[in-house]
Amino acid sequence: MRTDFDFTPYRRSTVGFDHLFDLLEKGQRGETSDGFPAFDIVRDADDRFRVTLAVPGFKPDEIEIVAQQNQLSVTGKPAEEDAKLLYLHRGIARRAFERRFQLADYIEVGGASFADGLLSIELSRVVPEAMKPRKIEIGGGDTEPRRIGSSNEKTLEKA
């Protein structure tokens, strides 16, 4: 039985949803990370979120956070360790990692904090004024309709 789903017909009839179909296809192929580092995503309010990553053993200067377009990338590269140390057991993973998060439209990355081996990144949804719903007033029948963007109606009539 075939479990793959072909998104081609939907790609032809939609505009601007390519990244969504790419994510769905990527999920079908099973392209997931190894689960390191572990993370939580918490909704603090309707338009505020927080991503918390467990990064024990890392220092803040060994972690890089990059926000670009609709993606948040967190990369950790441990510094070279002291060669004198001889580990008998190493249970705390301290390996390089890169964790990526796909962000929805209008999600902005705020500040980040690091405490007790937990890295917290603040996110908020900021919808532009042009995208917010607005009330349109209904005019009476005795007013003349105005053209959008014409400030000089007299000039238009003379031309």
Protein backbone atom coordinates (compact mmCIF):
# COMPACT_ATOMS: atom_id res chain seq x y z
CA MET A 1 0.00 0.00 0.00
CA ARG A 2 1.37 3.38 -0.97
CA THR A 3 1.45 5.94 1.84
CA ASP A 4 2.89 8.90 -0.08
CA PHE A 5 0.57 11.72 -1.03
CA ASP A 6 1.12 13.72 -4.20
CA PHE A 7 0.73 17.48 -3.61
CA THR A 8 1.29 18.42 -7.27
CA PRO A 9 -2.38 19.24 -8.07
CA TYR A 10 -2.52 21.54 -5.04
CA ARG A 11 0.74 23.26 -5.97
CA ARG A 12 -0.72 24.15 -9.38
CA SER A 13 -3.83 25.79 -7.93
CA THR A 14 -2.26 27.77 -5.07
CA VAL A 15 0.10 30.69 -4.90
CA GLY A 16 2.50 31.36 -2.04
CA PHE A 17 2.07 28.05 -0.21
CA ASP A 18 5.18 26.33 -1.55
CA HIS A 19 6.89 26.32 1.83
CA LEU A 20 3.85 24.60 3.38
CA PHE A 21 3.91 21.79 0.82
CA ASP A 22 7.68 21.45 1.24
CA LEU A 23 7.19 20.99 4.99
CA LEU A 24 4.47 18.39 4.45
CA GLU A 25 6.61 16.44 1.98
CA LYS A 26 9.61 16.67 4.28
CA GLY A 27 7.52 15.21 7.11
CA GLN A 28 6.34 12.36 4.89
CA ARG A 29 9.92 11.40 4.03
CA GLY A 30 10.70 11.18 7.73
CA GLU A 31 13.37 13.87 7.69
CA THR A 32 13.50 14.68 11.36
CA SER A 33 16.37 15.52 13.63
CA ASP A 34 17.74 13.17 16.28
CA GLY A 35 15.88 14.98 19.06
CA PHE A 36 18.90 16.78 20.47
CA PRO A 37 18.62 19.11 22.20
CA ALA A 38 15.25 18.58 23.83
CA PHE A 39 12.93 21.59 23.70
CA ASP A 40 9.57 22.92 24.86
CA ILE A 41 7.28 25.42 23.14
CA VAL A 42 4.98 27.34 25.47
CA ARG A 43 2.21 29.82 24.68
CA ASP A 44 2.51 32.62 27.24
CA ALA A 45 -0.41 34.66 25.85
CA ASP A 46 -2.51 34.80 22.68
CA ASP A 47 0.31 36.43 20.73
CA ARG A 48 3.38 35.47 22.79
CA PHE A 49 5.35 32.24 22.75
CA ARG A 50 8.55 30.90 24.30
CA VAL A 51 10.88 28.20 23.00
CA THR A 52 13.06 26.62 25.69
CA LEU A 53 15.96 24.34 24.77
CA ALA A 54 17.81 22.13 27.26
CA VAL A 55 21.51 22.75 26.59
CA PRO A 56 23.37 21.45 29.66
CA GLY A 57 27.09 22.03 29.68
CA PHE A 58 26.96 24.83 27.09
CA LYS A 59 27.89 28.42 27.80
CA PRO A 60 26.02 31.36 26.24
CA ASP A 61 28.99 32.25 24.01
CA GLU A 62 28.91 28.72 22.49
CA ILE A 63 25.35 29.15 21.21
CA GLU A 64 24.22 31.18 18.19
CA ILE A 65 20.61 32.20 17.50
CA VAL A 66 19.68 33.37 13.99
CA ALA A 67 16.23 34.57 12.94
CA GLN A 68 15.71 34.90 9.20
CA GLN A 69 12.55 35.05 7.11
CA ASN A 70 10.22 32.44 8.64
CA GLN A 71 12.88 30.37 10.35
CA LEU A 72 14.61 30.35 13.71
CA SER A 73 17.91 28.51 13.89
CA VAL A 74 19.76 27.66 17.11
CA THR A 75 23.30 26.32 16.74
CA GLY A 76 25.59 25.10 19.49
CA LYS A 77 29.31 24.46 19.07
CA PRO A 78 31.14 23.41 22.23
CA ALA A 79 34.54 24.93 22.82
CA GLU A 80 37.60 22.72 22.86
CA GLU A 81 37.83 20.90 26.15
CA ASP A 82 40.76 20.50 28.43
CA ALA A 83 42.79 17.52 27.17
CA LYS A 84 43.80 16.66 30.76
CA LEU A 85 40.32 15.42 31.64
CA LEU A 86 39.77 11.67 31.45
CA TYR A 87 36.07 10.82 31.47
CA LEU A 88 35.09 7.43 32.91
CA HIS A 89 31.48 8.01 31.85
CA ARG A 90 30.06 10.81 29.73
CA GLY A 91 26.28 11.04 30.18
CA ILE A 92 25.79 14.74 29.47
CA ALA A 93 25.68 15.22 25.72
CA ARG A 94 27.89 18.10 24.73
CA ARG A 95 28.03 17.71 21.00
CA ALA A 96 27.48 20.26 18.28
CA PHE A 97 23.86 20.74 17.24
CA GLU A 98 21.59 22.76 15.03
CA ARG A 99 17.87 22.98 15.74
CA ARG A 100 15.55 24.78 13.29
CA PHE A 101 12.03 26.02 13.89
CA GLN A 102 9.65 27.10 11.12
CA LEU A 103 7.87 30.29 12.16
CA ALA A 104 4.45 31.39 10.98
CA ASP A 105 3.96 34.72 9.24
CA TYR A 106 4.31 37.81 11.44
CA ILE A 107 6.18 35.95 14.21
CA GLU A 108 9.07 38.05 15.47
CA VAL A 109 11.91 36.80 17.62
CA GLY A 110 12.42 38.86 20.76
CA GLY A 111 15.10 38.41 23.37
CA ALA A 112 16.82 35.28 24.61
CA SER A 113 17.93 34.32 28.10
CA PHE A 114 20.16 31.56 29.44
CA ALA A 115 19.85 30.17 32.97
CA ASP A 116 20.44 26.80 34.63
CA GLY A 117 21.27 25.06 31.34
CA LEU A 118 18.06 26.24 29.68
CA LEU A 119 18.01 28.62 26.72
CA SER A 120 14.71 30.54 26.40
CA ILE A 121 13.79 32.47 23.27
CA GLU A 122 10.82 34.85 23.29
CA LEU A 123 8.56 35.03 20.23
CA SER A 124 5.61 37.30 19.52
CA ARG A 125 3.05 37.65 16.76
CA VAL A 126 3.02 41.20 15.41
CA VAL A 127 0.34 41.68 12.76
CA PRO A 128 0.87 44.83 10.62
CA GLU A 129 -1.88 47.46 10.75
CA ALA A 130 -2.67 46.88 7.07
CA MET A 131 -3.50 43.23 7.82
CA LYS A 132 -5.72 43.87 10.85
CA PRO A 133 -9.48 43.97 10.33
CA ARG A 134 -10.91 47.47 10.04
CA LYS A 135 -14.40 48.82 10.07
CA ILE A 136 -15.63 50.41 6.83
CA GLU A 137 -18.19 53.16 7.23
CA ILE A 138 -21.18 53.18 4.95
CA GLY A 139 -21.77 56.56 3.32
CA GLY A 140 -25.08 58.07 2.29
CA GLY A 141 -26.36 58.05 -1.30
CA ASP A 142 -25.92 61.83 -1.75
CA THR A 143 -22.10 61.82 -1.66
CA GLU A 144 -20.04 61.40 -4.79
CA PRO A 145 -17.73 58.40 -4.91
CA ARG A 146 -14.05 59.22 -4.56
CA ARG A 147 -11.23 57.60 -6.42
CA ILE A 148 -8.65 55.92 -4.28
CA GLY A 149 -5.32 57.73 -4.36
CA SER A 150 -6.53 60.90 -6.13
CA SER A 151 -5.95 63.94 -3.96
CA ASN A 152 -6.40 66.49 -6.76
CA GLU A 153 -9.77 65.77 -8.35
CA LYS A 154 -9.78 69.18 -10.11
CA THR A 155 -6.57 68.31 -11.95
CA LEU A 156 -8.07 65.01 -13.14
CA GLU A 157 -11.19 66.76 -14.49
CA LYS A 158 -9.13 69.28 -16.54
CA ALA A 159 -6.98 66.59 -18.13
